[in-house]
Amino acid sequence: MHNIIAIICDCDETLVDDTTEFLLKENKIDLDEFWEYIDKNFVQQGWDPPQAYLNEILKRMNNGEIKQNTQEMMKDLAKKIKPFKGVDTFITELQEYVSNDSECIKSGINIEGYIISAGIEDLVRECSFAPQFKDIFASNYSVDSTTGKYNAIKSTVTFTEKTKFLYAINKGIDGKNLRKYPYLVNDKMKSDQKKIPFENMIYIGDGPSDIPCFSAVQSNGGHCIGIIDKQKPQRAYELSRGRRTNYGIYSNNYSKESDLRLTLKTIIDEITRRISC
């Protein structure tokens, strides 16, 4: 019986304000100028956006413009990041809900949380909400063993790359093994051997970079929730107009009394009823 429900979240603008932009602002870098520079000098020249901005950030680490050039300094910065309301506890509280609900207990329901982000993993992993999540897939820098400083881009997460991690979650491949054996996710596996079927997935995202994941989850019977950033309402409009999600758009309030939270519980109950039949 497949009785694990996966709540899979984008990070930036979904759980918290953009963490990469937080890093830039902490170093007094003008955001409009930075993104205009990235677009003109990289994206318009054919670069993938995450590869482009990670490359430019690394260059600015090397020239001293960005101070956080080690894992420890990046982790220290993460402690200053404030998530949206309720984000610090919503996975834990939903886990408590299923552990006390009679139907969920009868069906053996468990909840696992995952983050798939194009942001910097060392930054995301040290945010206050991170301990709730079973695994976090994000972009990485490699570290010079002698100096302890970042010295190269190790991995990036593009908007299409995000779907790879959905299939890893589906097959029960953790981040450590996926990075060590990147082709493992392509191995054929029988449906009954897969850890979490797509119909047991709930994907939460806020914008165009989440569309491939919305499509993969929704087309395979899963559940997609759109989140609105009030500073960028056009992104939510595009998701709604294109029917990319089957729930929402919701404000980024994850607290117990919010509409988003009630919807999450409703979806969990729906999945539970299907499993128990």
C-alpha atoms as a PDB file:
ATOM      1  CA  MET A   1       0.000   0.000   0.000  1.00  0.00           C
ATOM      2  CA  HIS A   2       1.282   3.466  -0.933  1.00  0.00           C
ATOM      3  CA  ASN A   3       0.420   5.438   2.197  1.00  0.00           C
ATOM      4  CA  ILE A   4       2.999   8.247   2.144  1.00  0.00           C
ATOM      5  CA  ILE A   5       1.813  11.698   1.099  1.00  0.00           C
ATOM      6  CA  ALA A   6       4.544  14.026  -0.195  1.00  0.00           C
ATOM      7  CA  ILE A   7       4.138  17.783   0.225  1.00  0.00           C
ATOM      8  CA  ILE A   8       6.652  19.202  -2.250  1.00  0.00           C
ATOM      9  CA  CYS A   9       7.389  22.924  -2.163  1.00  0.00           C
ATOM     10  CA  ASP A  10       9.227  25.421  -4.240  1.00  0.00           C
ATOM     11  CA  CYS A  11      11.144  27.717  -1.869  1.00  0.00           C
ATOM     12  CA  ASP A  12      11.616  31.287  -3.093  1.00  0.00           C
ATOM     13  CA  GLU A  13       8.366  33.300  -3.135  1.00  0.00           C
ATOM     14  CA  THR A  14       6.533  30.145  -2.008  1.00  0.00           C
ATOM     15  CA  LEU A  15       7.806  29.593   1.542  1.00  0.00           C
ATOM     16  CA  VAL A  16       9.891  32.742   1.938  1.00  0.00           C
ATOM     17  CA  ASP A  17      10.916  35.866   0.044  1.00  0.00           C
ATOM     18  CA  ASP A  18      13.560  35.138  -2.590  1.00  0.00           C
ATOM     19  CA  THR A  19      16.629  33.840  -0.725  1.00  0.00           C
ATOM     20  CA  THR A  20      19.045  34.711  -3.538  1.00  0.00           C
ATOM     21  CA  GLU A  21      17.774  38.277  -3.539  1.00  0.00           C
ATOM     22  CA  PHE A  22      18.175  38.334   0.246  1.00  0.00           C
ATOM     23  CA  LEU A  23      21.849  37.468  -0.244  1.00  0.00           C
ATOM     24  CA  LEU A  24      22.225  40.255  -2.810  1.00  0.00           C
ATOM     25  CA  LYS A  25      20.457  42.854  -0.675  1.00  0.00           C
ATOM     26  CA  GLU A  26      22.580  41.958   2.362  1.00  0.00           C
ATOM     27  CA  ASN A  27      25.594  42.902   0.255  1.00  0.00           C
ATOM     28  CA  LYS A  28      23.953  46.148  -0.917  1.00  0.00           C
ATOM     29  CA  ILE A  29      23.615  45.029  -4.515  1.00  0.00           C
ATOM     30  CA  ASP A  30      20.838  46.767  -6.441  1.00  0.00           C
ATOM     31  CA  LEU A  31      18.403  44.052  -7.512  1.00  0.00           C
ATOM     32  CA  ASP A  32      17.093  45.743 -10.647  1.00  0.00           C
ATOM     33  CA  GLU A  33      20.607  46.405 -11.905  1.00  0.00           C
ATOM     34  CA  PHE A  34      21.731  42.861 -11.080  1.00  0.00           C
ATOM     35  CA  TRP A  35      18.871  41.115 -12.884  1.00  0.00           C
ATOM     36  CA  GLU A  36      19.119  43.477 -15.853  1.00  0.00           C
ATOM     37  CA  TYR A  37      22.820  42.657 -16.092  1.00  0.00           C
ATOM     38  CA  ILE A  38      22.099  38.912 -15.886  1.00  0.00           C
ATOM     39  CA  ASP A  39      19.438  39.126 -18.577  1.00  0.00           C
ATOM     40  CA  LYS A  40      21.475  41.254 -20.990  1.00  0.00           C
ATOM     41  CA  ASN A  41      24.862  39.577 -20.587  1.00  0.00           C
ATOM     42  CA  PHE A  42      23.865  35.967 -19.950  1.00  0.00           C
ATOM     43  CA  VAL A  43      20.249  34.959 -20.549  1.00  0.00           C
ATOM     44  CA  GLN A  44      19.996  36.837 -23.855  1.00  0.00           C
ATOM     45  CA  GLN A  45      23.217  35.083 -24.871  1.00  0.00           C
ATOM     46  CA  GLY A  46      21.661  31.652 -24.311  1.00  0.00           C
ATOM     47  CA  TRP A  47      22.588  30.883 -20.690  1.00  0.00           C
ATOM     48  CA  ASP A  48      20.186  29.035 -18.395  1.00  0.00           C
ATOM     49  CA  PRO A  49      19.094  31.644 -15.808  1.00  0.00           C
ATOM     50  CA  PRO A  50      20.231  29.697 -12.691  1.00  0.00           C
ATOM     51  CA  GLN A  51      23.612  28.980 -14.283  1.00  0.00           C
ATOM     52  CA  ALA A  52      23.891  32.662 -15.149  1.00  0.00           C
ATOM     53  CA  TYR A  53      23.164  34.181 -11.748  1.00  0.00           C
ATOM     54  CA  LEU A  54      25.103  31.547  -9.814  1.00  0.00           C
ATOM     55  CA  ASN A  55      28.104  32.252 -12.024  1.00  0.00           C
ATOM     56  CA  GLU A  56      27.828  36.007 -11.476  1.00  0.00           C
ATOM     57  CA  ILE A  57      27.376  35.587  -7.711  1.00  0.00           C
ATOM     58  CA  LEU A  58      30.499  33.411  -7.575  1.00  0.00           C
ATOM     59  CA  LYS A  59      32.442  36.070  -9.473  1.00  0.00           C
ATOM     60  CA  ARG A  60      31.310  38.690  -6.979  1.00  0.00           C
ATOM     61  CA  MET A  61      32.275  36.430  -4.088  1.00  0.00           C
ATOM     62  CA  ASN A  62      35.770  36.193  -5.562  1.00  0.00           C
ATOM     63  CA  ASN A  63      36.135  39.960  -5.924  1.00  0.00           C
ATOM     64  CA  GLY A  64      34.814  40.617  -2.418  1.00  0.00           C
ATOM     65  CA  GLU A  65      31.545  42.281  -3.413  1.00  0.00           C
ATOM     66  CA  ILE A  66      29.615  39.405  -1.813  1.00  0.00           C
ATOM     67  CA  LYS A  67      31.031  38.525   1.600  1.00  0.00           C
ATOM     68  CA  GLN A  68      29.371  35.127   2.081  1.00  0.00           C
ATOM     69  CA  ASN A  69      31.944  33.029   0.203  1.00  0.00           C
ATOM     70  CA  THR A  70      32.009  29.996   2.545  1.00  0.00           C
ATOM     71  CA  GLN A  71      29.423  27.505   3.746  1.00  0.00           C
ATOM     72  CA  GLU A  72      29.631  28.788   7.309  1.00  0.00           C
ATOM     73  CA  MET A  73      29.063  32.393   6.279  1.00  0.00           C
ATOM     74  CA  MET A  74      26.139  31.351   4.084  1.00  0.00           C
ATOM     75  CA  LYS A  75      24.616  29.378   6.956  1.00  0.00           C
ATOM     76  CA  ASP A  76      24.990  32.355   9.288  1.00  0.00           C
ATOM     77  CA  LEU A  77      23.159  34.539   6.782  1.00  0.00           C
ATOM     78  CA  ALA A  78      20.303  32.027   6.560  1.00  0.00           C
ATOM     79  CA  LYS A  79      19.487  32.609  10.229  1.00  0.00           C
ATOM     80  CA  LYS A  80      18.342  36.135   9.339  1.00  0.00           C
ATOM     81  CA  ILE A  81      15.786  34.959   6.784  1.00  0.00           C
ATOM     82  CA  LYS A  82      12.142  35.204   7.905  1.00  0.00           C
ATOM     83  CA  PRO A  83       9.689  32.754   6.295  1.00  0.00           C
ATOM     84  CA  PHE A  84       6.045  33.460   5.543  1.00  0.00           C
ATOM     85  CA  LYS A  85       3.461  33.074   8.296  1.00  0.00           C
ATOM     86  CA  GLY A  86       3.074  29.472   9.497  1.00  0.00           C
ATOM     87  CA  VAL A  87       5.850  28.053   7.307  1.00  0.00           C
ATOM     88  CA  ASP A  88       8.072  27.130  10.270  1.00  0.00           C
ATOM     89  CA  THR A  89       5.565  24.573  11.564  1.00  0.00           C
ATOM     90  CA  PHE A  90       3.038  23.619   8.874  1.00  0.00           C
ATOM     91  CA  ILE A  91       4.617  20.302   7.832  1.00  0.00           C
ATOM     92  CA  THR A  92       5.090  19.217  11.451  1.00  0.00           C
ATOM     93  CA  GLU A  93       1.522  20.202  12.307  1.00  0.00           C
ATOM     94  CA  LEU A  94       0.097  18.293   9.336  1.00  0.00           C
ATOM     95  CA  GLN A  95       2.147  15.266  10.400  1.00  0.00           C
ATOM     96  CA  GLU A  96       0.559  15.599  13.846  1.00  0.00           C
ATOM     97  CA  TYR A  97      -2.859  15.852  12.216  1.00  0.00           C
ATOM     98  CA  VAL A  98      -2.535  12.529  10.370  1.00  0.00           C
ATOM     99  CA  SER A  99      -1.072  10.845  13.452  1.00  0.00           C
ATOM    100  CA  ASN A 100      -4.230  11.718  15.407  1.00  0.00           C
ATOM    101  CA  ASP A 101      -6.938  11.341  12.756  1.00  0.00           C
ATOM    102  CA  SER A 102      -8.717   7.983  12.928  1.00  0.00           C
ATOM    103  CA  GLU A 103      -9.034   7.501   9.142  1.00  0.00           C
ATOM    104  CA  CYS A 104      -5.400   8.428   8.583  1.00  0.00           C
ATOM    105  CA  ILE A 105      -4.317   6.059  11.343  1.00  0.00           C
ATOM    106  CA  LYS A 106      -6.428   3.263   9.840  1.00  0.00           C
ATOM    107  CA  SER A 107      -4.784   3.792   6.434  1.00  0.00           C
ATOM    108  CA  GLY A 108      -1.302   4.210   7.905  1.00  0.00           C
ATOM    109  CA  ILE A 109      -0.899   7.671   6.382  1.00  0.00           C
ATOM    110  CA  ASN A 110       2.424   9.462   6.798  1.00  0.00           C
ATOM    111  CA  ILE A 111       3.480  12.860   5.462  1.00  0.00           C
ATOM    112  CA  GLU A 112       6.915  13.748   4.119  1.00  0.00           C
ATOM    113  CA  GLY A 113       7.982  17.248   3.127  1.00  0.00           C
ATOM    114  CA  TYR A 114      10.394  18.110   0.306  1.00  0.00           C
ATOM    115  CA  ILE A 115      11.804  21.318  -1.165  1.00  0.00           C
ATOM    116  CA  ILE A 116      12.853  21.706  -4.803  1.00  0.00           C
ATOM    117  CA  SER A 117      14.563  25.055  -5.383  1.00  0.00           C
ATOM    118  CA  ALA A 118      16.778  26.857  -7.883  1.00  0.00           C
ATOM    119  CA  GLY A 119      18.271  28.732  -4.930  1.00  0.00           C
ATOM    120  CA  ILE A 120      21.544  28.077  -3.116  1.00  0.00           C
ATOM    121  CA  GLU A 121      21.228  24.906  -1.050  1.00  0.00           C
ATOM    122  CA  ASP A 122      23.573  26.030   1.737  1.00  0.00           C
ATOM    123  CA  LEU A 123      21.281  29.012   2.245  1.00  0.00           C
ATOM    124  CA  VAL A 124      17.974  27.122   2.024  1.00  0.00           C
ATOM    125  CA  ARG A 125      19.072  24.241   4.277  1.00  0.00           C
ATOM    126  CA  GLU A 126      19.825  26.559   7.183  1.00  0.00           C
ATOM    127  CA  CYS A 127      16.539  28.467   7.091  1.00  0.00           C
ATOM    128  CA  SER A 128      14.373  28.032  10.184  1.00  0.00           C
ATOM    129  CA  PHE A 129      11.770  25.935   8.343  1.00  0.00           C
ATOM    130  CA  ALA A 130      14.230  23.453   6.803  1.00  0.00           C
ATOM    131  CA  PRO A 131      14.313  20.800   9.593  1.00  0.00           C
ATOM    132  CA  GLN A 132      10.695  19.830   8.824  1.00  0.00           C
ATOM    133  CA  PHE A 133      11.624  18.643   5.342  1.00  0.00           C
ATOM    134  CA  LYS A 134      12.916  15.158   4.627  1.00  0.00           C
ATOM    135  CA  ASP A 135      15.060  16.316   1.730  1.00  0.00           C
ATOM    136  CA  ILE A 136      16.011  19.547  -0.029  1.00  0.00           C
ATOM    137  CA  PHE A 137      17.085  19.659  -3.664  1.00  0.00           C
ATOM    138  CA  ALA A 138      18.745  22.924  -4.717  1.00  0.00           C
ATOM    139  CA  SER A 139      21.770  24.433  -6.453  1.00  0.00           C
ATOM    140  CA  ASN A 140      25.275  23.959  -5.070  1.00  0.00           C
ATOM    141  CA  TYR A 141      28.737  25.438  -5.152  1.00  0.00           C
ATOM    142  CA  SER A 142      31.803  23.266  -4.676  1.00  0.00           C
ATOM    143  CA  VAL A 143      34.183  24.178  -1.869  1.00  0.00           C
ATOM    144  CA  ASP A 144      37.968  24.464  -2.081  1.00  0.00           C
ATOM    145  CA  SER A 145      39.321  21.978   0.478  1.00  0.00           C
ATOM    146  CA  THR A 146      42.279  24.221   1.263  1.00  0.00           C
ATOM    147  CA  THR A 147      40.631  27.629   1.656  1.00  0.00           C
ATOM    148  CA  GLY A 148      37.062  26.571   2.515  1.00  0.00           C
ATOM    149  CA  LYS A 149      35.784  29.044  -0.068  1.00  0.00           C
ATOM    150  CA  TYR A 150      33.332  28.406  -2.887  1.00  0.00           C
ATOM    151  CA  ASN A 151      35.319  27.857  -6.065  1.00  0.00           C
ATOM    152  CA  ALA A 152      32.926  26.574  -8.768  1.00  0.00           C
ATOM    153  CA  ILE A 153      29.307  25.816  -9.573  1.00  0.00           C
ATOM    154  CA  LYS A 154      28.645  22.194  -8.641  1.00  0.00           C
ATOM    155  CA  SER A 155      25.012  21.847  -9.666  1.00  0.00           C
ATOM    156  CA  THR A 156      22.122  23.997 -10.828  1.00  0.00           C
ATOM    157  CA  VAL A 157      18.370  23.459 -10.748  1.00  0.00           C
ATOM    158  CA  THR A 158      16.646  24.817 -13.862  1.00  0.00           C
ATOM    159  CA  PHE A 159      12.860  24.906 -14.180  1.00  0.00           C
ATOM    160  CA  THR A 160      12.846  21.699 -16.254  1.00  0.00           C
ATOM    161  CA  GLU A 161      15.476  20.081 -14.020  1.00  0.00           C
ATOM    162  CA  LYS A 162      12.988  20.363 -11.140  1.00  0.00           C
ATOM    163  CA  THR A 163      10.959  17.495 -12.584  1.00  0.00           C
ATOM    164  CA  LYS A 164      13.940  15.145 -12.155  1.00  0.00           C
ATOM    165  CA  PHE A 165      13.573  15.510  -8.421  1.00  0.00           C
ATOM    166  CA  LEU A 166       9.865  14.689  -8.595  1.00  0.00           C
ATOM    167  CA  TYR A 167      10.774  11.338 -10.140  1.00  0.00           C
ATOM    168  CA  ALA A 168      13.456  10.819  -7.499  1.00  0.00           C
ATOM    169  CA  ILE A 169      10.834  11.372  -4.789  1.00  0.00           C
ATOM    170  CA  ASN A 170       8.467   9.078  -6.686  1.00  0.00           C
ATOM    171  CA  LYS A 171      11.084   6.294  -6.699  1.00  0.00           C
ATOM    172  CA  GLY A 172      12.367   6.901  -3.177  1.00  0.00           C
ATOM    173  CA  ILE A 173      15.834   8.119  -4.181  1.00  0.00           C
ATOM    174  CA  ASP A 174      17.275  10.517  -1.620  1.00  0.00           C
ATOM    175  CA  GLY A 175      19.360  13.554  -2.502  1.00  0.00           C
ATOM    176  CA  LYS A 176      22.655  12.049  -1.385  1.00  0.00           C
ATOM    177  CA  ASN A 177      22.314   9.010  -3.650  1.00  0.00           C
ATOM    178  CA  LEU A 178      20.904  11.045  -6.521  1.00  0.00           C
ATOM    179  CA  ARG A 179      23.941  13.324  -6.519  1.00  0.00           C
ATOM    180  CA  LYS A 180      26.317  10.360  -6.283  1.00  0.00           C
ATOM    181  CA  TYR A 181      24.495   8.316  -8.923  1.00  0.00           C
ATOM    182  CA  PRO A 182      22.688  10.887 -11.126  1.00  0.00           C
ATOM    183  CA  TYR A 183      21.411   8.327 -13.647  1.00  0.00           C
ATOM    184  CA  LEU A 184      19.708   6.271 -10.942  1.00  0.00           C
ATOM    185  CA  VAL A 185      16.512   8.257 -11.443  1.00  0.00           C
ATOM    186  CA  ASN A 186      16.236   6.873 -14.992  1.00  0.00           C
ATOM    187  CA  ASP A 187      16.181   3.237 -13.888  1.00  0.00           C
ATOM    188  CA  LYS A 188      12.962   1.420 -14.717  1.00  0.00           C
ATOM    189  CA  MET A 189      10.892   0.520 -11.671  1.00  0.00           C
ATOM    190  CA  LYS A 190       7.564  -1.270 -11.297  1.00  0.00           C
ATOM    191  CA  SER A 191       4.696   0.883 -10.057  1.00  0.00           C
ATOM    192  CA  ASP A 192       4.212  -1.120  -6.882  1.00  0.00           C
ATOM    193  CA  GLN A 193       7.885  -0.628  -6.004  1.00  0.00           C
ATOM    194  CA  LYS A 194       7.759   3.166  -6.208  1.00  0.00           C
ATOM    195  CA  LYS A 195       7.729   4.887  -2.842  1.00  0.00           C
ATOM    196  CA  ILE A 196       5.324   7.770  -3.506  1.00  0.00           C
ATOM    197  CA  PRO A 197       2.961   7.691  -6.513  1.00  0.00           C
ATOM    198  CA  PHE A 198       2.194  11.016  -8.179  1.00  0.00           C
ATOM    199  CA  GLU A 199      -1.421  10.875  -7.031  1.00  0.00           C
ATOM    200  CA  ASN A 200      -0.065  11.107  -3.459  1.00  0.00           C
ATOM    201  CA  MET A 201       1.897  14.281  -4.239  1.00  0.00           C
ATOM    202  CA  ILE A 202       0.920  17.848  -3.373  1.00  0.00           C
ATOM    203  CA  TYR A 203       3.089  20.409  -5.177  1.00  0.00           C
ATOM    204  CA  ILE A 204       3.100  24.023  -3.987  1.00  0.00           C
ATOM    205  CA  GLY A 205       4.638  26.760  -6.138  1.00  0.00           C
ATOM    206  CA  ASP A 206       4.290  30.383  -7.122  1.00  0.00           C
ATOM    207  CA  GLY A 207       5.366  31.025 -10.684  1.00  0.00           C
ATOM    208  CA  PRO A 208       6.501  30.061 -14.190  1.00  0.00           C
ATOM    209  CA  SER A 209       9.556  28.109 -12.975  1.00  0.00           C
ATOM    210  CA  ASP A 210       7.143  25.677 -11.303  1.00  0.00           C
ATOM    211  CA  ILE A 211       5.089  24.989 -14.428  1.00  0.00           C
ATOM    212  CA  PRO A 212       6.968  21.809 -15.479  1.00  0.00           C
ATOM    213  CA  CYS A 213       6.395  20.358 -11.998  1.00  0.00           C
ATOM    214  CA  PHE A 214       2.750  21.453 -11.994  1.00  0.00           C
ATOM    215  CA  SER A 215       2.311  19.736 -15.347  1.00  0.00           C
ATOM    216  CA  ALA A 216       4.050  16.503 -14.301  1.00  0.00           C
ATOM    217  CA  VAL A 217       2.149  16.218 -11.019  1.00  0.00           C
ATOM    218  CA  GLN A 218      -1.265  17.220 -12.325  1.00  0.00           C
ATOM    219  CA  SER A 219      -1.113  15.055 -15.462  1.00  0.00           C
ATOM    220  CA  ASN A 220      -0.303  12.040 -13.280  1.00  0.00           C
ATOM    221  CA  GLY A 221      -3.237  12.523 -10.926  1.00  0.00           C
ATOM    222  CA  GLY A 222      -1.517  14.637  -8.281  1.00  0.00           C
ATOM    223  CA  HIS A 223      -2.470  17.909  -6.645  1.00  0.00           C
ATOM    224  CA  CYS A 224      -1.044  21.371  -7.399  1.00  0.00           C
ATOM    225  CA  ILE A 225      -1.499  24.524  -5.331  1.00  0.00           C
ATOM    226  CA  GLY A 226      -0.624  28.002  -6.559  1.00  0.00           C
ATOM    227  CA  ILE A 227       0.702  30.691  -4.218  1.00  0.00           C
ATOM    228  CA  ILE A 228       0.438  34.423  -4.870  1.00  0.00           C
ATOM    229  CA  ASP A 229       3.192  36.903  -4.142  1.00  0.00           C
ATOM    230  CA  LYS A 230       1.341  40.207  -3.662  1.00  0.00           C
ATOM    231  CA  GLN A 231       4.379  42.047  -5.016  1.00  0.00           C
ATOM    232  CA  LYS A 232       4.253  40.010  -8.250  1.00  0.00           C
ATOM    233  CA  PRO A 233       0.544  39.269  -8.878  1.00  0.00           C
ATOM    234  CA  GLN A 234       1.079  38.759 -12.625  1.00  0.00           C
ATOM    235  CA  ARG A 235       2.841  35.447 -11.933  1.00  0.00           C
ATOM    236  CA  ALA A 236      -0.173  34.069 -10.088  1.00  0.00           C
ATOM    237  CA  TYR A 237      -2.492  35.345 -12.821  1.00  0.00           C
ATOM    238  CA  GLU A 238      -0.482  33.450 -15.428  1.00  0.00           C
ATOM    239  CA  LEU A 239      -0.762  30.227 -13.423  1.00  0.00           C
ATOM    240  CA  SER A 240      -4.510  30.665 -12.932  1.00  0.00           C
ATOM    241  CA  ARG A 241      -5.215  31.630 -16.540  1.00  0.00           C
ATOM    242  CA  GLY A 242      -3.266  28.663 -17.834  1.00  0.00           C
ATOM    243  CA  ARG A 243      -5.003  26.275 -15.409  1.00  0.00           C
ATOM    244  CA  ARG A 244      -1.592  25.146 -14.226  1.00  0.00           C
ATOM    245  CA  THR A 245      -2.897  24.354 -10.750  1.00  0.00           C
ATOM    246  CA  ASN A 246      -5.985  22.537  -9.553  1.00  0.00           C
ATOM    247  CA  TYR A 247      -6.165  24.501  -6.266  1.00  0.00           C
ATOM    248  CA  GLY A 248      -5.661  28.176  -5.549  1.00  0.00           C
ATOM    249  CA  ILE A 249      -4.318  30.771  -6.068  1.00  0.00           C
ATOM    250  CA  TYR A 250      -3.758  31.255  -2.284  1.00  0.00           C
ATOM    251  CA  SER A 251      -1.936  33.883  -0.277  1.00  0.00           C
ATOM    252  CA  ASN A 252       1.323  32.767   1.348  1.00  0.00           C
ATOM    253  CA  ASN A 253      -0.221  32.185   4.785  1.00  0.00           C
ATOM    254  CA  TYR A 254       0.435  28.628   6.050  1.00  0.00           C
ATOM    255  CA  SER A 255      -0.997  29.054   9.556  1.00  0.00           C
ATOM    256  CA  LYS A 256      -3.693  26.742  10.902  1.00  0.00           C
ATOM    257  CA  GLU A 257      -6.587  29.119  10.274  1.00  0.00           C
ATOM    258  CA  SER A 258      -5.646  29.965   6.666  1.00  0.00           C
ATOM    259  CA  ASP A 259      -7.528  28.899   3.531  1.00  0.00           C
ATOM    260  CA  LEU A 260      -4.327  27.317   2.230  1.00  0.00           C
ATOM    261  CA  ARG A 261      -4.007  25.155   5.315  1.00  0.00           C
ATOM    262  CA  LEU A 262      -7.641  24.063   5.132  1.00  0.00           C
ATOM    263  CA  THR A 263      -7.117  23.088   1.499  1.00  0.00           C
ATOM    264  CA  LEU A 264      -4.045  21.046   2.397  1.00  0.00           C
ATOM    265  CA  LYS A 265      -6.066  19.136   5.004  1.00  0.00           C
ATOM    266  CA  THR A 266      -8.885  18.592   2.505  1.00  0.00           C
ATOM    267  CA  ILE A 267      -6.459  17.135  -0.046  1.00  0.00           C
ATOM    268  CA  ILE A 268      -4.890  14.896   2.620  1.00  0.00           C
ATOM    269  CA  ASP A 269      -8.364  13.643   3.571  1.00  0.00           C
ATOM    270  CA  GLU A 270      -9.184  13.007  -0.089  1.00  0.00           C
ATOM    271  CA  ILE A 271      -6.002  10.983  -0.610  1.00  0.00           C
ATOM    272  CA  THR A 272      -6.689   9.067   2.598  1.00  0.00           C
ATOM    273  CA  ARG A 273     -10.201   8.112   1.442  1.00  0.00           C
ATOM    274  CA  ARG A 274      -8.832   6.874  -1.872  1.00  0.00           C
ATOM    275  CA  ILE A 275      -6.159   4.778  -0.166  1.00  0.00           C
ATOM    276  CA  SER A 276      -8.626   3.307   2.335  1.00  0.00           C
ATOM    277  CA  CYS A 277     -11.076   2.146  -0.339  1.00  0.00           C
END
